[in-house]
């Protein structure tokens, strides 16, 4: 859904080559629901007390929409573009070990949960 090309010959985007942006959110709960809006997101349990989100985003055309917000145990992350658009995005979400993590309201597994 994020990468969409509409006749833009020669335009190529790749989030993996974009410069990363990060944001850290204070977190005190035991459950975190990560809402991804169908954007690729790695959920990783690490030794930390807060939640760190890293975003890679690349766009060649279109109206960009980028958001990340943590409220009441829900981390809402989104990155994309609309209109005559081509873009690509991915996220990495680092959460404290031991926190129950939901993805879009459903149980998820974490890499590195040890």
PDB file of N, CA and C in Angstrom:
ATOM      1  N   UNK A   1       0.807  -1.183   0.000  1.00  0.00           N
ATOM      2  CA  UNK A   1       0.000   0.000   0.000  1.00  0.00           C
ATOM      3  C   UNK A   1       0.859   1.259   0.000  1.00  0.00           C
ATOM      4  N   UNK A   2       1.997   1.227   0.661  1.00  0.00           N
ATOM      5  CA  UNK A   2       2.800   2.433   0.785  1.00  0.00           C
ATOM      6  C   UNK A   2       3.459   2.793  -0.535  1.00  0.00           C
ATOM      7  N   UNK A   3       4.023   1.805  -1.222  1.00  0.00           N
ATOM      8  CA  UNK A   3       4.675   2.109  -2.483  1.00  0.00           C
ATOM      9  C   UNK A   3       3.643   2.049  -3.599  1.00  0.00           C
ATOM     10  N   UNK A   4       3.460   3.162  -4.270  1.00  0.00           N
ATOM     11  CA  UNK A   4       2.455   3.242  -5.308  1.00  0.00           C
ATOM     12  C   UNK A   4       3.004   4.091  -6.432  1.00  0.00           C
ATOM     13  N   UNK A   5       3.118   3.534  -7.612  1.00  0.00           N
ATOM     14  CA  UNK A   5       3.595   4.302  -8.746  1.00  0.00           C
ATOM     15  C   UNK A   5       2.499   4.425  -9.775  1.00  0.00           C
ATOM     16  N   UNK A   6       2.267   5.625 -10.227  1.00  0.00           N
ATOM     17  CA  UNK A   6       1.228   5.882 -11.215  1.00  0.00           C
ATOM     18  C   UNK A   6       1.847   6.530 -12.441  1.00  0.00           C
ATOM     19  N   UNK A   7       2.556   5.732 -13.237  1.00  0.00           N
ATOM     20  CA  UNK A   7       3.102   6.256 -14.476  1.00  0.00           C
ATOM     21  C   UNK A   7       4.294   7.168 -14.302  1.00  0.00           C
ATOM     22  N   UNK A   8       5.017   7.079 -13.224  1.00  0.00           N
ATOM     23  CA  UNK A   8       6.189   7.914 -13.021  1.00  0.00           C
ATOM     24  C   UNK A   8       7.418   7.145 -13.507  1.00  0.00           C
ATOM     25  N   UNK A   9       7.629   7.143 -14.792  1.00  0.00           N
ATOM     26  CA  UNK A   9       8.738   6.408 -15.383  1.00  0.00           C
ATOM     27  C   UNK A   9      10.063   6.933 -14.854  1.00  0.00           C
ATOM     28  N   UNK A  10      10.931   6.023 -14.465  1.00  0.00           N
ATOM     29  CA  UNK A  10      12.241   6.407 -13.992  1.00  0.00           C
ATOM     30  C   UNK A  10      12.292   6.848 -12.540  1.00  0.00           C
ATOM     31  N   UNK A  11      11.162   6.978 -11.874  1.00  0.00           N
ATOM     32  CA  UNK A  11      11.152   7.373 -10.459  1.00  0.00           C
ATOM     33  C   UNK A  11      11.222   6.118  -9.604  1.00  0.00           C
ATOM     34  N   UNK A  12      12.158   6.095  -8.704  1.00  0.00           N
ATOM     35  CA  UNK A  12      12.324   4.946  -7.833  1.00  0.00           C
ATOM     36  C   UNK A  12      12.538   5.430  -6.415  1.00  0.00           C
ATOM     37  N   UNK A  13      11.899   4.781  -5.482  1.00  0.00           N
ATOM     38  CA  UNK A  13      12.093   5.110  -4.075  1.00  0.00           C
ATOM     39  C   UNK A  13      12.388   3.838  -3.303  1.00  0.00           C
ATOM     40  N   UNK A  14      13.151   3.978  -2.215  1.00  0.00           N
ATOM     41  CA  UNK A  14      13.519   2.831  -1.398  1.00  0.00           C
ATOM     42  C   UNK A  14      13.779   3.332   0.020  1.00  0.00           C
ATOM     43  N   UNK A  15      12.874   3.015   0.924  1.00  0.00           N
ATOM     44  CA  UNK A  15      13.003   3.480   2.301  1.00  0.00           C
ATOM     45  C   UNK A  15      14.308   3.015   2.937  1.00  0.00           C
ATOM     46  N   UNK A  16      14.822   1.854   2.536  1.00  0.00           N
ATOM     47  CA  UNK A  16      16.035   1.338   3.166  1.00  0.00           C
ATOM     48  C   UNK A  16      17.257   2.205   2.883  1.00  0.00           C
ATOM     49  N   UNK A  17      17.200   3.064   1.875  1.00  0.00           N
ATOM     50  CA  UNK A  17      18.317   3.959   1.584  1.00  0.00           C
ATOM     51  C   UNK A  17      18.088   5.367   2.117  1.00  0.00           C
ATOM     52  N   UNK A  18      16.934   5.620   2.714  1.00  0.00           N
ATOM     53  CA  UNK A  18      16.618   6.949   3.254  1.00  0.00           C
ATOM     54  C   UNK A  18      17.316   7.167   4.599  1.00  0.00           C
ATOM     55  N   UNK A  19      17.555   8.418   4.925  1.00  0.00           N
ATOM     56  CA  UNK A  19      18.135   8.754   6.227  1.00  0.00           C
ATOM     57  C   UNK A  19      17.103   8.471   7.325  1.00  0.00           C
ATOM     58  N   UNK A  20      17.496   7.773   8.382  1.00  0.00           N
ATOM     59  CA  UNK A  20      16.537   7.464   9.448  1.00  0.00           C
ATOM     60  C   UNK A  20      16.248   8.680  10.329  1.00  0.00           C
ATOM     61  N   UNK A  21      15.014   8.732  10.824  1.00  0.00           N
ATOM     62  CA  UNK A  21      14.605   9.713  11.830  1.00  0.00           C
ATOM     63  C   UNK A  21      14.134   8.917  13.034  1.00  0.00           C
ATOM     64  N   UNK A  22      14.440   9.389  14.241  1.00  0.00           N
ATOM     65  CA  UNK A  22      14.034   8.667  15.451  1.00  0.00           C
ATOM     66  C   UNK A  22      13.323   9.594  16.421  1.00  0.00           C
ATOM     67  N   UNK A  23      12.438   8.991  17.208  1.00  0.00           N
ATOM     68  CA  UNK A  23      11.742   9.709  18.264  1.00  0.00           C
ATOM     69  C   UNK A  23      11.578   8.755  19.439  1.00  0.00           C
ATOM     70  N   UNK A  24      11.776   9.276  20.657  1.00  0.00           N
ATOM     71  CA  UNK A  24      11.648   8.473  21.860  1.00  0.00           C
ATOM     72  C   UNK A  24      10.428   8.954  22.638  1.00  0.00           C
ATOM     73  N   UNK A  25       9.610   7.987  23.081  1.00  0.00           N
ATOM     74  CA  UNK A  25       8.392   8.276  23.838  1.00  0.00           C
ATOM     75  C   UNK A  25       8.521   7.712  25.239  1.00  0.00           C
ATOM     76  N   UNK A  26       8.227   8.504  26.272  1.00  0.00           N
ATOM     77  CA  UNK A  26       8.169   7.940  27.624  1.00  0.00           C
ATOM     78  C   UNK A  26       7.067   6.881  27.672  1.00  0.00           C
ATOM     79  N   UNK A  27       7.291   5.805  28.441  1.00  0.00           N
ATOM     80  CA  UNK A  27       6.299   4.736  28.515  1.00  0.00           C
ATOM     81  C   UNK A  27       6.338   4.101  29.899  1.00  0.00           C
ATOM     82  N   UNK A  28       5.176   3.951  30.528  1.00  0.00           N
ATOM     83  CA  UNK A  28       5.097   3.375  31.869  1.00  0.00           C
ATOM     84  C   UNK A  28       4.146   2.178  31.945  1.00  0.00           C
ATOM     85  N   UNK A  29       3.521   1.786  30.851  1.00  0.00           N
ATOM     86  CA  UNK A  29       2.509   0.737  30.881  1.00  0.00           C
ATOM     87  C   UNK A  29       3.065  -0.669  30.781  1.00  0.00           C
ATOM     88  N   UNK A  30       2.145  -1.636  30.722  1.00  0.00           N
ATOM     89  CA  UNK A  30       2.521  -3.042  30.579  1.00  0.00           C
ATOM     90  C   UNK A  30       2.082  -3.598  29.226  1.00  0.00           C
ATOM     91  N   UNK A  31       1.227  -2.854  28.485  1.00  0.00           N
ATOM     92  CA  UNK A  31       0.763  -3.267  27.165  1.00  0.00           C
ATOM     93  C   UNK A  31       0.867  -2.082  26.216  1.00  0.00           C
ATOM     94  N   UNK A  32       1.401  -2.343  25.029  1.00  0.00           N
ATOM     95  CA  UNK A  32       1.520  -1.327  23.995  1.00  0.00           C
ATOM     96  C   UNK A  32       0.848  -1.844  22.731  1.00  0.00           C
ATOM     97  N   UNK A  33      -0.088  -1.075  22.195  1.00  0.00           N
ATOM     98  CA  UNK A  33      -0.750  -1.423  20.931  1.00  0.00           C
ATOM     99  C   UNK A  33      -0.152  -0.549  19.840  1.00  0.00           C
ATOM    100  N   UNK A  34       0.536  -1.172  18.884  1.00  0.00           N
ATOM    101  CA  UNK A  34       1.190  -0.447  17.798  1.00  0.00           C
ATOM    102  C   UNK A  34       0.276  -0.467  16.578  1.00  0.00           C
ATOM    103  N   UNK A  35      -0.215   0.690  16.186  1.00  0.00           N
ATOM    104  CA  UNK A  35      -1.085   0.837  15.008  1.00  0.00           C
ATOM    105  C   UNK A  35      -0.206   1.254  13.842  1.00  0.00           C
ATOM    106  N   UNK A  36      -0.109   0.393  12.807  1.00  0.00           N
ATOM    107  CA  UNK A  36       0.863   0.600  11.735  1.00  0.00           C
ATOM    108  C   UNK A  36       0.273   1.100  10.419  1.00  0.00           C
ATOM    109  N   UNK A  37      -1.031   1.059  10.267  1.00  0.00           N
ATOM    110  CA  UNK A  37      -1.675   1.508   9.022  1.00  0.00           C
ATOM    111  C   UNK A  37      -1.078   0.805   7.798  1.00  0.00           C
ATOM    112  N   UNK A  38      -0.739  -0.479   7.980  1.00  0.00           N
ATOM    113  CA  UNK A  38      -0.214  -1.335   6.918  1.00  0.00           C
ATOM    114  C   UNK A  38       1.175  -0.937   6.422  1.00  0.00           C
ATOM    115  N   UNK A  39       1.895  -0.136   7.213  1.00  0.00           N
ATOM    116  CA  UNK A  39       3.278   0.208   6.886  1.00  0.00           C
ATOM    117  C   UNK A  39       4.176  -0.836   7.544  1.00  0.00           C
ATOM    118  N   UNK A  40       5.218  -1.269   6.857  1.00  0.00           N
ATOM    119  CA  UNK A  40       6.152  -2.248   7.407  1.00  0.00           C
ATOM    120  C   UNK A  40       6.734  -1.743   8.724  1.00  0.00           C
ATOM    121  N   UNK A  41       6.683  -2.593   9.755  1.00  0.00           N
ATOM    122  CA  UNK A  41       7.201  -2.195  11.067  1.00  0.00           C
ATOM    123  C   UNK A  41       7.773  -3.403  11.790  1.00  0.00           C
ATOM    124  N   UNK A  42       9.052  -3.331  12.152  1.00  0.00           N
ATOM    125  CA  UNK A  42       9.677  -4.354  12.986  1.00  0.00           C
ATOM    126  C   UNK A  42       9.441  -3.962  14.439  1.00  0.00           C
ATOM    127  N   UNK A  43       8.925  -4.893  15.226  1.00  0.00           N
ATOM    128  CA  UNK A  43       8.708  -4.679  16.651  1.00  0.00           C
ATOM    129  C   UNK A  43       9.778  -5.471  17.388  1.00  0.00           C
ATOM    130  N   UNK A  44      10.581  -4.781  18.205  1.00  0.00           N
ATOM    131  CA  UNK A  44      11.734  -5.420  18.823  1.00  0.00           C
ATOM    132  C   UNK A  44      11.764  -5.127  20.321  1.00  0.00           C
ATOM    133  N   UNK A  45      11.889  -6.181  21.136  1.00  0.00           N
ATOM    134  CA  UNK A  45      12.029  -6.025  22.581  1.00  0.00           C
ATOM    135  C   UNK A  45      13.506  -5.814  22.910  1.00  0.00           C
ATOM    136  N   UNK A  46      13.790  -4.742  23.664  1.00  0.00           N
ATOM    137  CA  UNK A  46      15.171  -4.408  24.018  1.00  0.00           C
ATOM    138  C   UNK A  46      15.222  -3.961  25.479  1.00  0.00           C
ATOM    139  N   UNK A  47      16.445  -3.847  26.005  1.00  0.00           N
ATOM    140  CA  UNK A  47      16.636  -3.344  27.366  1.00  0.00           C
ATOM    141  C   UNK A  47      16.537  -1.824  27.357  1.00  0.00           C
ATOM    142  N   UNK A  48      15.326  -1.302  27.589  1.00  0.00           N
ATOM    143  CA  UNK A  48      15.087   0.128  27.703  1.00  0.00           C
ATOM    144  C   UNK A  48      13.796   0.323  28.478  1.00  0.00           C
ATOM    145  N   UNK A  49      13.553   1.533  28.976  1.00  0.00           N
ATOM    146  CA  UNK A  49      12.342   1.824  29.736  1.00  0.00           C
ATOM    147  C   UNK A  49      11.345   2.648  28.949  1.00  0.00           C
ATOM    148  N   UNK A  50      11.764   3.162  27.806  1.00  0.00           N
ATOM    149  CA  UNK A  50      10.893   3.977  26.964  1.00  0.00           C
ATOM    150  C   UNK A  50      10.660   3.248  25.640  1.00  0.00           C
ATOM    151  N   UNK A  51       9.975   3.899  24.711  1.00  0.00           N
ATOM    152  CA  UNK A  51       9.724   3.334  23.384  1.00  0.00           C
ATOM    153  C   UNK A  51      10.451   4.207  22.372  1.00  0.00           C
ATOM    154  N   UNK A  52      11.282   3.588  21.546  1.00  0.00           N
ATOM    155  CA  UNK A  52      12.006   4.320  20.504  1.00  0.00           C
ATOM    156  C   UNK A  52      11.480   3.886  19.141  1.00  0.00           C
ATOM    157  N   UNK A  53      11.121   4.872  18.334  1.00  0.00           N
ATOM    158  CA  UNK A  53      10.633   4.609  16.989  1.00  0.00           C
ATOM    159  C   UNK A  53      11.614   5.210  15.993  1.00  0.00           C
ATOM    160  N   UNK A  54      12.040   4.401  15.022  1.00  0.00           N
ATOM    161  CA  UNK A  54      12.881   4.889  13.933  1.00  0.00           C
ATOM    162  C   UNK A  54      12.099   4.728  12.644  1.00  0.00           C
ATOM    163  N   UNK A  55      12.126   5.779  11.837  1.00  0.00           N
ATOM    164  CA  UNK A  55      11.360   5.797  10.585  1.00  0.00           C
ATOM    165  C   UNK A  55      12.307   6.068   9.414  1.00  0.00           C
ATOM    166  N   UNK A  56      12.124   5.297   8.337  1.00  0.00           N
ATOM    167  CA  UNK A  56      12.795   5.537   7.078  1.00  0.00           C
ATOM    168  C   UNK A  56      11.702   5.857   6.062  1.00  0.00           C
ATOM    169  N   UNK A  57      11.851   6.955   5.343  1.00  0.00           N
ATOM    170  CA  UNK A  57      10.810   7.373   4.395  1.00  0.00           C
ATOM    171  C   UNK A  57      11.462   7.994   3.178  1.00  0.00           C
ATOM    172  N   UNK A  58      10.985   7.590   2.013  1.00  0.00           N
ATOM    173  CA  UNK A  58      11.484   8.134   0.751  1.00  0.00           C
ATOM    174  C   UNK A  58      10.293   8.364  -0.166  1.00  0.00           C
ATOM    175  N   UNK A  59      10.242   9.530  -0.800  1.00  0.00           N
ATOM    176  CA  UNK A  59       9.136   9.850  -1.705  1.00  0.00           C
ATOM    177  C   UNK A  59       9.661  10.588  -2.920  1.00  0.00           C
ATOM    178  N   UNK A  60       9.074  10.286  -4.064  1.00  0.00           N
ATOM    179  CA  UNK A  60       9.433  10.975  -5.299  1.00  0.00           C
ATOM    180  C   UNK A  60       8.329  11.924  -5.743  1.00  0.00           C
ATOM    181  N   UNK A  61       7.107  11.666  -5.319  1.00  0.00           N
ATOM    182  CA  UNK A  61       5.981  12.511  -5.737  1.00  0.00           C
ATOM    183  C   UNK A  61       4.815  12.279  -4.791  1.00  0.00           C
ATOM    184  N   UNK A  62       3.882  13.213  -4.808  1.00  0.00           N
ATOM    185  CA  UNK A  62       2.670  13.067  -4.003  1.00  0.00           C
ATOM    186  C   UNK A  62       2.699  13.903  -2.748  1.00  0.00           C
ATOM    187  N   UNK A  63       1.579  13.943  -2.073  1.00  0.00           N
ATOM    188  CA  UNK A  63       1.454  14.651  -0.802  1.00  0.00           C
ATOM    189  C   UNK A  63       1.824  13.694   0.324  1.00  0.00           C
ATOM    190  N   UNK A  64       2.869  14.032   1.069  1.00  0.00           N
ATOM    191  CA  UNK A  64       3.344  13.176   2.152  1.00  0.00           C
ATOM    192  C   UNK A  64       2.466  13.326   3.391  1.00  0.00           C
ATOM    193  N   UNK A  65       2.279  12.216   4.108  1.00  0.00           N
ATOM    194  CA  UNK A  65       1.681  12.274   5.437  1.00  0.00           C
ATOM    195  C   UNK A  65       2.519  11.393   6.360  1.00  0.00           C
ATOM    196  N   UNK A  66       3.094  12.027   7.378  1.00  0.00           N
ATOM    197  CA  UNK A  66       3.976  11.366   8.331  1.00  0.00           C
ATOM    198  C   UNK A  66       3.461  11.666   9.727  1.00  0.00           C
ATOM    199  N   UNK A  67       3.283  10.611  10.531  1.00  0.00           N
ATOM    200  CA  UNK A  67       2.846  10.845  11.906  1.00  0.00           C
ATOM    201  C   UNK A  67       3.344   9.729  12.814  1.00  0.00           C
ATOM    202  N   UNK A  68       3.578  10.111  14.061  1.00  0.00           N
ATOM    203  CA  UNK A  68       3.899   9.162  15.117  1.00  0.00           C
ATOM    204  C   UNK A  68       3.502   9.796  16.438  1.00  0.00           C
ATOM    205  N   UNK A  69       2.736   9.037  17.217  1.00  0.00           N
ATOM    206  CA  UNK A  69       2.179   9.563  18.458  1.00  0.00           C
ATOM    207  C   UNK A  69       1.897   8.402  19.410  1.00  0.00           C
ATOM    208  N   UNK A  70       2.197   8.594  20.681  1.00  0.00           N
ATOM    209  CA  UNK A  70       1.892   7.598  21.711  1.00  0.00           C
ATOM    210  C   UNK A  70       0.962   8.235  22.731  1.00  0.00           C
ATOM    211  N   UNK A  71      -0.260   7.681  22.824  1.00  0.00           N
ATOM    212  CA  UNK A  71      -1.260   8.167  23.783  1.00  0.00           C
ATOM    213  C   UNK A  71      -1.983   6.981  24.394  1.00  0.00           C
ATOM    214  N   UNK A  72      -2.087   6.966  25.706  1.00  0.00           N
ATOM    215  CA  UNK A  72      -2.850   5.959  26.437  1.00  0.00           C
ATOM    216  C   UNK A  72      -2.548   4.521  25.979  1.00  0.00           C
ATOM    217  N   UNK A  73      -1.280   4.197  25.818  1.00  0.00           N
ATOM    218  CA  UNK A  73      -0.892   2.842  25.471  1.00  0.00           C
ATOM    219  C   UNK A  73      -1.024   2.478  24.004  1.00  0.00           C
ATOM    220  N   UNK A  74      -1.355   3.461  23.151  1.00  0.00           N
ATOM    221  CA  UNK A  74      -1.469   3.204  21.711  1.00  0.00           C
ATOM    222  C   UNK A  74      -0.421   4.038  20.981  1.00  0.00           C
ATOM    223  N   UNK A  75       0.484   3.354  20.288  1.00  0.00           N
ATOM    224  CA  UNK A  75       1.477   4.010  19.449  1.00  0.00           C
ATOM    225  C   UNK A  75       0.941   4.001  18.025  1.00  0.00           C
ATOM    226  N   UNK A  76       0.637   5.162  17.504  1.00  0.00           N
ATOM    227  CA  UNK A  76       0.081   5.292  16.155  1.00  0.00           C
ATOM    228  C   UNK A  76       1.178   5.824  15.247  1.00  0.00           C
ATOM    229  N   UNK A  77       1.611   4.980  14.292  1.00  0.00           N
ATOM    230  CA  UNK A  77       2.663   5.380  13.358  1.00  0.00           C
ATOM    231  C   UNK A  77       2.135   5.243  11.940  1.00  0.00           C
ATOM    232  N   UNK A  78       2.449   6.230  11.117  1.00  0.00           N
ATOM    233  CA  UNK A  78       1.998   6.197   9.724  1.00  0.00           C
ATOM    234  C   UNK A  78       2.974   6.985   8.875  1.00  0.00           C
ATOM    235  N   UNK A  79       3.151   6.538   7.658  1.00  0.00           N
ATOM    236  CA  UNK A  79       3.996   7.234   6.694  1.00  0.00           C
ATOM    237  C   UNK A  79       3.545   6.805   5.313  1.00  0.00           C
ATOM    238  N   UNK A  80       3.244   7.765   4.493  1.00  0.00           N
ATOM    239  CA  UNK A  80       2.828   7.454   3.134  1.00  0.00           C
ATOM    240  C   UNK A  80       2.635   8.710   2.332  1.00  0.00           C
ATOM    241  N   UNK A  81       2.031   8.543   1.193  1.00  0.00           N
ATOM    242  CA  UNK A  81       1.751   9.686   0.341  1.00  0.00           C
ATOM    243  C   UNK A  81       0.475   9.396  -0.449  1.00  0.00           C
ATOM    244  N   UNK A  82      -0.136  10.465  -0.933  1.00  0.00           N
ATOM    245  CA  UNK A  82      -1.393  10.320  -1.652  1.00  0.00           C
ATOM    246  C   UNK A  82      -1.361  11.173  -2.911  1.00  0.00           C
ATOM    247  N   UNK A  83      -2.367  10.980  -3.740  1.00  0.00           N
ATOM    248  CA  UNK A  83      -2.406  11.699  -5.011  1.00  0.00           C
ATOM    249  C   UNK A  83      -1.592  10.948  -6.049  1.00  0.00           C
ATOM    250  N   UNK A  84      -1.065  11.667  -6.995  1.00  0.00           N
ATOM    251  CA  UNK A  84      -0.180  11.121  -8.016  1.00  0.00           C
ATOM    252  C   UNK A  84       1.138  10.864  -7.307  1.00  0.00           C
ATOM    253  N   UNK A  85       1.314   9.641  -6.733  1.00  0.00           N
ATOM    254  CA  UNK A  85       2.340   9.457  -5.719  1.00  0.00           C
ATOM    255  C   UNK A  85       3.172   8.202  -5.900  1.00  0.00           C
ATOM    256  N   UNK A  86       4.392   8.305  -5.382  1.00  0.00           N
ATOM    257  CA  UNK A  86       5.254   7.139  -5.221  1.00  0.00           C
ATOM    258  C   UNK A  86       6.106   7.376  -3.979  1.00  0.00           C
ATOM    259  N   UNK A  87       6.011   6.437  -3.024  1.00  0.00           N
ATOM    260  CA  UNK A  87       6.784   6.562  -1.795  1.00  0.00           C
ATOM    261  C   UNK A  87       6.967   5.185  -1.166  1.00  0.00           C
ATOM    262  N   UNK A  88       7.870   5.132  -0.194  1.00  0.00           N
ATOM    263  CA  UNK A  88       8.155   3.888   0.515  1.00  0.00           C
ATOM    264  C   UNK A  88       8.515   4.249   1.955  1.00  0.00           C
ATOM    265  N   UNK A  89       8.095   3.416   2.891  1.00  0.00           N
ATOM    266  CA  UNK A  89       8.356   3.687   4.304  1.00  0.00           C
ATOM    267  C   UNK A  89       8.526   2.387   5.069  1.00  0.00           C
ATOM    268  N   UNK A  90       9.268   2.480   6.171  1.00  0.00           N
ATOM    269  CA  UNK A  90       9.362   1.375   7.113  1.00  0.00           C
ATOM    270  C   UNK A  90       9.701   1.947   8.483  1.00  0.00           C
ATOM    271  N   UNK A  91       9.346   1.183   9.533  1.00  0.00           N
ATOM    272  CA  UNK A  91       9.586   1.590  10.913  1.00  0.00           C
ATOM    273  C   UNK A  91      10.275   0.467  11.673  1.00  0.00           C
ATOM    274  N   UNK A  92      10.979   0.853  12.718  1.00  0.00           N
ATOM    275  CA  UNK A  92      11.495  -0.075  13.739  1.00  0.00           C
ATOM    276  C   UNK A  92      11.019   0.492  15.069  1.00  0.00           C
ATOM    277  N   UNK A  93      10.333  -0.348  15.848  1.00  0.00           N
ATOM    278  CA  UNK A  93       9.808   0.075  17.142  1.00  0.00           C
ATOM    279  C   UNK A  93      10.490  -0.757  18.224  1.00  0.00           C
ATOM    280  N   UNK A  94      11.266  -0.093  19.076  1.00  0.00           N
ATOM    281  CA  UNK A  94      11.938  -0.752  20.189  1.00  0.00           C
ATOM    282  C   UNK A  94      11.108  -0.544  21.445  1.00  0.00           C
ATOM    283  N   UNK A  95      10.719  -1.649  22.080  1.00  0.00           N
ATOM    284  CA  UNK A  95       9.885  -1.597  23.282  1.00  0.00           C
ATOM    285  C   UNK A  95      10.612  -2.279  24.435  1.00  0.00           C
ATOM    286  N   UNK A  96      10.286  -1.891  25.670  1.00  0.00           N
ATOM    287  CA  UNK A  96      10.930  -2.541  26.817  1.00  0.00           C
ATOM    288  C   UNK A  96      10.604  -4.036  26.870  1.00  0.00           C
ATOM    289  N   UNK A  97      11.599  -4.839  27.210  1.00  0.00           N
ATOM    290  CA  UNK A  97      11.364  -6.271  27.404  1.00  0.00           C
ATOM    291  C   UNK A  97      10.289  -6.459  28.456  1.00  0.00           C
ATOM    292  N   UNK A  98       9.449  -7.464  28.259  1.00  0.00           N
ATOM    293  CA  UNK A  98       8.400  -7.784  29.214  1.00  0.00           C
ATOM    294  C   UNK A  98       7.077  -7.086  28.944  1.00  0.00           C
ATOM    295  N   UNK A  99       7.072  -6.101  28.054  1.00  0.00           N
ATOM    296  CA  UNK A  99       5.827  -5.409  27.709  1.00  0.00           C
ATOM    297  C   UNK A  99       5.050  -6.267  26.715  1.00  0.00           C
ATOM    298  N   UNK A 100       3.758  -6.416  26.926  1.00  0.00           N
ATOM    299  CA  UNK A 100       2.891  -7.104  25.968  1.00  0.00           C
ATOM    300  C   UNK A 100       2.655  -6.154  24.800  1.00  0.00           C
ATOM    301  N   UNK A 101       2.961  -6.633  23.595  1.00  0.00           N
ATOM    302  CA  UNK A 101       2.830  -5.780  22.414  1.00  0.00           C
ATOM    303  C   UNK A 101       1.750  -6.329  21.495  1.00  0.00           C
ATOM    304  N   UNK A 102       0.820  -5.461  21.151  1.00  0.00           N
ATOM    305  CA  UNK A 102      -0.214  -5.771  20.176  1.00  0.00           C
ATOM    306  C   UNK A 102       0.129  -5.038  18.890  1.00  0.00           C
ATOM    307  N   UNK A 103      -0.229  -5.636  17.768  1.00  0.00           N
ATOM    308  CA  UNK A 103      -0.087  -4.971  16.462  1.00  0.00           C
ATOM    309  C   UNK A 103      -1.499  -4.792  15.919  1.00  0.00           C
ATOM    310  N   UNK A 104      -1.906  -3.553  15.796  1.00  0.00           N
ATOM    311  CA  UNK A 104      -3.261  -3.236  15.316  1.00  0.00           C
ATOM    312  C   UNK A 104      -4.325  -3.972  16.126  1.00  0.00           C
ATOM    313  N   UNK A 105      -4.130  -4.023  17.455  1.00  0.00           N
ATOM    314  CA  UNK A 105      -5.093  -4.620  18.364  1.00  0.00           C
ATOM    315  C   UNK A 105      -5.015  -6.122  18.522  1.00  0.00           C
ATOM    316  N   UNK A 106      -4.094  -6.779  17.782  1.00  0.00           N
ATOM    317  CA  UNK A 106      -3.962  -8.244  17.859  1.00  0.00           C
ATOM    318  C   UNK A 106      -2.602  -8.623  18.454  1.00  0.00           C
ATOM    319  N   UNK A 107      -2.564  -9.752  19.128  1.00  0.00           N
ATOM    320  CA  UNK A 107      -1.330 -10.264  19.725  1.00  0.00           C
ATOM    321  C   UNK A 107      -0.234 -10.376  18.669  1.00  0.00           C
ATOM    322  N   UNK A 108       0.981 -10.026  19.059  1.00  0.00           N
ATOM    323  CA  UNK A 108       2.102 -10.115  18.115  1.00  0.00           C
ATOM    324  C   UNK A 108       3.269 -10.817  18.777  1.00  0.00           C
ATOM    325  N   UNK A 109       4.190 -11.283  17.982  1.00  0.00           N
ATOM    326  CA  UNK A 109       5.431 -11.837  18.481  1.00  0.00           C
ATOM    327  C   UNK A 109       6.520 -10.794  18.287  1.00  0.00           C
ATOM    328  N   UNK A 110       7.541 -10.851  19.123  1.00  0.00           N
ATOM    329  CA  UNK A 110       8.658  -9.910  19.021  1.00  0.00           C
ATOM    330  C   UNK A 110       9.939 -10.660  18.729  1.00  0.00           C
ATOM    331  N   UNK A 111      10.820 -10.039  17.935  1.00  0.00           N
ATOM    332  CA  UNK A 111      12.178 -10.547  17.795  1.00  0.00           C
ATOM    333  C   UNK A 111      12.958 -10.105  19.016  1.00  0.00           C
ATOM    334  N   UNK A 112      13.882 -10.906  19.461  1.00  0.00           N
ATOM    335  CA  UNK A 112      14.776 -10.509  20.537  1.00  0.00           C
ATOM    336  C   UNK A 112      14.130 -10.479  21.904  1.00  0.00           C
ATOM    337  N   UNK A 113      12.988 -11.088  22.066  1.00  0.00           N
ATOM    338  CA  UNK A 113      12.323 -11.097  23.363  1.00  0.00           C
ATOM    339  C   UNK A 113      12.960 -12.204  24.192  1.00  0.00           C
ATOM    340  N   UNK A 114      13.910 -11.845  25.022  1.00  0.00           N
ATOM    341  CA  UNK A 114      14.605 -12.891  25.714  1.00  0.00           C
ATOM    342  C   UNK A 114      14.887 -12.521  27.079  1.00  0.00           C
TER     343      UNK A 114
END
